[in-house]
């Protein structure tokens, strides 16, 4: 699989929607994740990321302008023991509750499907990172309509055992801008991950479309100790 430049991927796509990146630093010491949101409507753009416990949640920047909170207010990141869950919707809670009851990542998502936002039927994208005794693996999932047909839900899970240092994977909701918005196709894209968190955060934020970008979350987790560092960037300040 060809390794792509995440910078070029983002710069060349005005509207990938929401995106999840998971990988490992070149020195092999850190597990890395990033999550960004974009918006075309005033309601979608009226958001910020705020820290909540070990995770984050979305919040209306101007509560007076919030119209429909159902698909835009949720916890994108939650931590369950040695697992970090990252998703583009309230399925974060579904995965958290399922795995807390000993279900697998995939089993937890069986009760969910794509978002009910016709005609886009936005895919639900999710990631899970598992760090234990100095070992690290991760998985990603996408639940999407069958080529825009809401009567069928296509479910894909991609698991990465013993991730290679310096590599990561990127999955996003939309292939590109459009009406309706076309869903992401294929398996997560192979990208490179740098050691420098500040540099990675800055590059991601600067590569996202200026008009459509809303918020970015980046976390580097020490695989040996479980200690982590988080960066949040919000367009609305």
Protein backbone atom coordinates (compact mmCIF):
# COMPACT_ATOMS: atom_id res chain seq x y z
CA UNK A 1 0.00 0.00 0.00
CA UNK A 2 1.35 3.41 -0.97
CA UNK A 3 2.18 5.71 1.94
CA UNK A 4 0.38 9.02 1.43
CA UNK A 5 1.22 12.48 2.70
CA UNK A 6 -1.51 13.49 5.16
CA UNK A 7 -0.61 17.11 4.40
CA UNK A 8 -1.36 16.65 0.68
CA UNK A 9 -4.45 14.53 1.39
CA UNK A 10 -5.97 17.33 3.48
CA UNK A 11 -4.81 20.22 1.31
CA UNK A 12 -6.28 18.54 -1.76
CA UNK A 13 -9.72 17.90 -0.24
CA UNK A 14 -11.93 20.86 0.73
CA UNK A 15 -14.34 18.66 2.66
CA UNK A 16 -13.23 15.28 4.06
CA UNK A 17 -15.79 15.97 6.84
CA UNK A 18 -14.62 14.38 10.07
CA UNK A 19 -11.41 12.42 10.27
CA UNK A 20 -9.61 9.99 12.58
CA UNK A 21 -5.88 9.29 12.51
CA UNK A 22 -4.25 6.52 14.60
CA UNK A 23 -0.64 5.40 14.48
CA UNK A 24 2.77 5.20 16.16
CA UNK A 25 5.73 7.57 16.32
CA UNK A 26 8.97 6.75 14.41
CA UNK A 27 10.82 6.15 17.70
CA UNK A 28 8.21 3.47 18.53
CA UNK A 29 7.51 5.02 21.95
CA UNK A 30 4.20 6.82 21.46
CA UNK A 31 0.74 5.82 20.33
CA UNK A 32 -0.82 8.69 18.38
CA UNK A 33 -4.37 9.71 17.58
CA UNK A 34 -5.96 12.79 16.03
CA UNK A 35 -9.57 13.73 15.38
CA UNK A 36 -10.87 16.73 13.45
CA UNK A 37 -14.30 18.10 12.64
CA UNK A 38 -15.36 20.36 9.78
CA UNK A 39 -18.65 22.04 8.98
CA UNK A 40 -20.56 23.60 6.11
CA UNK A 41 -23.62 24.82 8.03
CA UNK A 42 -23.69 27.48 10.75
CA UNK A 43 -24.87 24.83 13.24
CA UNK A 44 -21.89 22.55 12.44
CA UNK A 45 -19.40 25.40 12.56
CA UNK A 46 -20.69 26.69 15.90
CA UNK A 47 -18.60 24.22 17.94
CA UNK A 48 -15.49 23.83 20.03
CA UNK A 49 -13.70 20.88 21.62
CA UNK A 50 -13.38 20.97 25.41
CA UNK A 51 -11.63 18.49 27.71
CA UNK A 52 -13.86 16.27 29.80
CA UNK A 53 -12.13 13.87 32.19
CA UNK A 54 -9.58 11.91 30.15
CA UNK A 55 -11.53 12.57 26.97
CA UNK A 56 -13.13 15.48 25.13
CA UNK A 57 -16.60 16.59 24.11
CA UNK A 58 -18.04 19.02 21.59
CA UNK A 59 -19.79 22.10 22.88
CA UNK A 60 -21.70 24.94 21.19
CA UNK A 61 -19.44 27.98 20.91
CA UNK A 62 -22.47 30.29 20.95
CA UNK A 63 -25.33 28.42 22.70
CA UNK A 64 -27.90 30.94 21.36
CA UNK A 65 -27.16 29.80 17.78
CA UNK A 66 -27.48 26.05 18.47
CA UNK A 67 -30.41 24.63 16.49
CA UNK A 68 -30.20 20.82 16.40
CA UNK A 69 -27.72 19.26 18.88
CA UNK A 70 -28.52 15.62 17.97
CA UNK A 71 -25.62 14.90 15.60
CA UNK A 72 -23.15 17.60 16.59
CA UNK A 73 -22.93 17.49 20.41
CA UNK A 74 -21.21 14.32 21.65
CA UNK A 75 -18.02 12.98 23.26
CA UNK A 76 -15.57 12.13 20.45
CA UNK A 77 -12.95 10.73 22.85
CA UNK A 78 -13.40 8.60 25.96
CA UNK A 79 -10.95 6.43 27.90
CA UNK A 80 -11.90 3.03 29.35
CA UNK A 81 -8.99 1.66 31.39
CA UNK A 82 -6.18 1.03 28.90
CA UNK A 83 -8.40 1.69 25.87
CA UNK A 84 -8.86 5.04 24.12
CA UNK A 85 -12.00 5.36 21.98
CA UNK A 86 -12.22 7.99 19.21
CA UNK A 87 -15.34 8.44 17.04
CA UNK A 88 -17.35 10.97 15.07
CA UNK A 89 -20.56 10.62 17.07
CA UNK A 90 -22.35 9.34 20.14
CA UNK A 91 -21.26 5.80 19.24
CA UNK A 92 -18.27 6.63 21.49
CA UNK A 93 -20.67 5.91 24.35
CA UNK A 94 -21.97 2.74 22.64
CA UNK A 95 -18.42 1.37 22.32
CA UNK A 96 -17.52 2.43 25.88
CA UNK A 97 -20.59 0.74 27.36
CA UNK A 98 -20.23 -2.38 25.18
CA UNK A 99 -16.56 -2.91 25.94
CA UNK A 100 -17.23 -2.26 29.62
CA UNK A 101 -19.53 -5.32 29.39
CA UNK A 102 -16.79 -7.40 27.72
CA UNK A 103 -18.12 -7.01 24.16
CA UNK A 104 -15.55 -6.50 21.40
CA UNK A 105 -15.18 -3.22 19.50
CA UNK A 106 -16.98 -4.78 16.52
CA UNK A 107 -19.77 -6.33 18.62
CA UNK A 108 -20.38 -3.02 20.42
CA UNK A 109 -21.02 -1.29 17.08
CA UNK A 110 -23.54 -3.87 15.81
CA UNK A 111 -26.38 -1.89 17.40
CA UNK A 112 -25.45 1.22 15.37
CA UNK A 113 -25.41 2.27 11.73
CA UNK A 114 -24.69 5.40 9.64
CA UNK A 115 -26.22 8.72 10.69
CA UNK A 116 -29.89 9.42 9.78
CA UNK A 117 -29.03 12.64 7.93
CA UNK A 118 -30.54 11.99 4.48
CA UNK A 119 -29.41 12.34 1.72
CA UNK A 120 -25.79 12.19 3.00
CA UNK A 121 -26.20 9.26 5.42
CA UNK A 122 -22.91 10.27 7.03
CA UNK A 123 -20.77 7.22 7.86
CA UNK A 124 -19.98 6.52 11.49
CA UNK A 125 -16.21 6.23 11.81
CA UNK A 126 -14.62 4.89 14.99
CA UNK A 127 -11.22 3.95 16.35
CA UNK A 128 -9.99 2.01 19.38
CA UNK A 129 -6.44 2.04 20.79
CA UNK A 130 -5.37 -0.65 23.24
CA UNK A 131 -2.17 -0.29 25.27
CA UNK A 132 -1.17 -3.02 27.72
CA UNK A 133 2.17 -4.00 29.29
CA UNK A 134 4.14 -2.04 26.72
CA UNK A 135 2.22 -3.49 23.75
CA UNK A 136 -0.03 -1.48 21.47
CA UNK A 137 -2.60 -2.27 18.80
CA UNK A 138 -5.54 -0.46 17.28
CA UNK A 139 -8.59 -0.92 15.09
CA UNK A 140 -10.80 1.32 12.95
CA UNK A 141 -14.39 0.92 11.80
CA UNK A 142 -16.72 2.51 9.27
CA UNK A 143 -20.50 1.95 9.12
CA UNK A 144 -21.90 3.32 5.88
CA UNK A 145 -24.97 3.17 3.68
CA UNK A 146 -24.83 0.90 0.64
CA UNK A 147 -23.92 3.53 -1.99
CA UNK A 148 -26.46 5.96 -0.58
CA UNK A 149 -29.17 3.31 -0.10
CA UNK A 150 -30.29 3.62 3.55
CA UNK A 151 -31.94 0.18 3.55
CA UNK A 152 -28.54 -1.51 3.81
CA UNK A 153 -25.68 -0.81 6.22
CA UNK A 154 -22.18 -1.92 5.20
CA UNK A 155 -19.83 -2.59 8.13
CA UNK A 156 -16.06 -2.65 7.87
CA UNK A 157 -13.49 -3.17 10.63
CA UNK A 158 -9.73 -2.86 10.12
CA UNK A 159 -7.43 -4.19 12.86
CA UNK A 160 -3.74 -3.29 13.15
CA UNK A 161 -1.69 -5.64 15.31
CA UNK A 162 1.84 -4.54 16.30
CA UNK A 163 1.69 -1.24 14.38
CA UNK A 164 4.89 -0.25 12.57
CA UNK A 165 6.81 2.72 14.01
CA UNK A 166 6.31 5.89 11.98
CA UNK A 167 3.13 4.64 10.33
CA UNK A 168 -0.52 5.46 10.87
CA UNK A 169 -3.94 5.20 9.24
CA UNK A 170 -6.42 7.89 8.29
CA UNK A 171 -10.15 7.43 7.76
CA UNK A 172 -12.68 10.19 7.09
CA UNK A 173 -16.43 10.48 6.55
CA UNK A 174 -16.63 11.91 3.03
CA UNK A 175 -14.66 11.11 -0.09
CA UNK A 176 -14.87 14.82 -1.03
CA UNK A 177 -17.29 17.75 -1.14
CA UNK A 178 -20.58 17.30 -3.01
CA UNK A 179 -24.39 17.22 -2.81
CA UNK A 180 -25.15 14.69 -1.51
CA UNK A 181 -21.77 14.13 0.15
CA UNK A 182 -20.15 10.90 -1.15
CA UNK A 183 -19.07 8.48 1.60
CA UNK A 184 -15.44 7.49 2.18
CA UNK A 185 -14.38 4.48 0.07
CA UNK A 186 -11.85 1.72 0.64
CA UNK A 187 -9.62 0.93 3.60
CA UNK A 188 -8.01 3.57 5.84
CA UNK A 189 -5.17 5.43 4.13
CA UNK A 190 -1.58 4.65 5.13
CA UNK A 191 0.22 7.81 6.27
CA UNK A 192 3.42 8.74 8.09
CA UNK A 193 3.39 9.91 11.72
CA UNK A 194 6.10 12.24 13.11
CA UNK A 195 7.73 12.19 16.57
CA UNK A 196 7.01 15.88 17.15
CA UNK A 197 3.48 16.45 18.47
CA UNK A 198 3.57 20.25 18.11
CA UNK A 199 4.70 19.97 14.49
CA UNK A 200 2.06 17.32 13.70
CA UNK A 201 -0.75 19.40 15.26
CA UNK A 202 0.31 22.54 13.40
CA UNK A 203 0.66 20.71 10.08
CA UNK A 204 -2.79 19.08 10.39
CA UNK A 205 -4.53 22.32 11.36
CA UNK A 206 -2.83 24.35 8.62
CA UNK A 207 -3.65 21.70 6.00
CA UNK A 208 -7.41 21.62 6.73
CA UNK A 209 -9.60 23.84 4.53
CA UNK A 210 -9.64 27.29 6.13
CA UNK A 211 -13.35 27.91 5.57
CA UNK A 212 -14.62 24.51 6.69
CA UNK A 213 -12.33 23.50 9.57
CA UNK A 214 -13.80 23.72 13.07
CA UNK A 215 -11.73 21.84 15.70
CA UNK A 216 -8.75 19.48 16.04
CA UNK A 217 -7.69 17.10 18.83
CA UNK A 218 -4.27 15.40 18.95
CA UNK A 219 -2.99 13.00 21.61
CA UNK A 220 0.38 11.27 22.05
CA UNK A 221 0.36 8.40 24.59
CA UNK A 222 3.53 6.88 26.07
CA UNK A 223 3.23 3.14 25.36
CA UNK A 224 5.36 2.16 28.40
CA UNK A 225 3.71 4.37 31.04
CA UNK A 226 0.29 5.26 29.59
CA UNK A 227 0.96 8.95 30.27
CA UNK A 228 -0.40 11.22 27.55
CA UNK A 229 -0.21 14.74 26.19
CA UNK A 230 -3.15 16.43 24.45
CA UNK A 231 -3.48 19.36 22.08
CA UNK A 232 -6.80 20.98 21.16
CA UNK A 233 -7.18 23.66 18.46
CA UNK A 234 -10.52 25.46 17.99
CA UNK A 235 -11.28 27.91 15.19
CA UNK A 236 -13.83 29.62 17.45
CA UNK A 237 -11.99 31.37 20.26
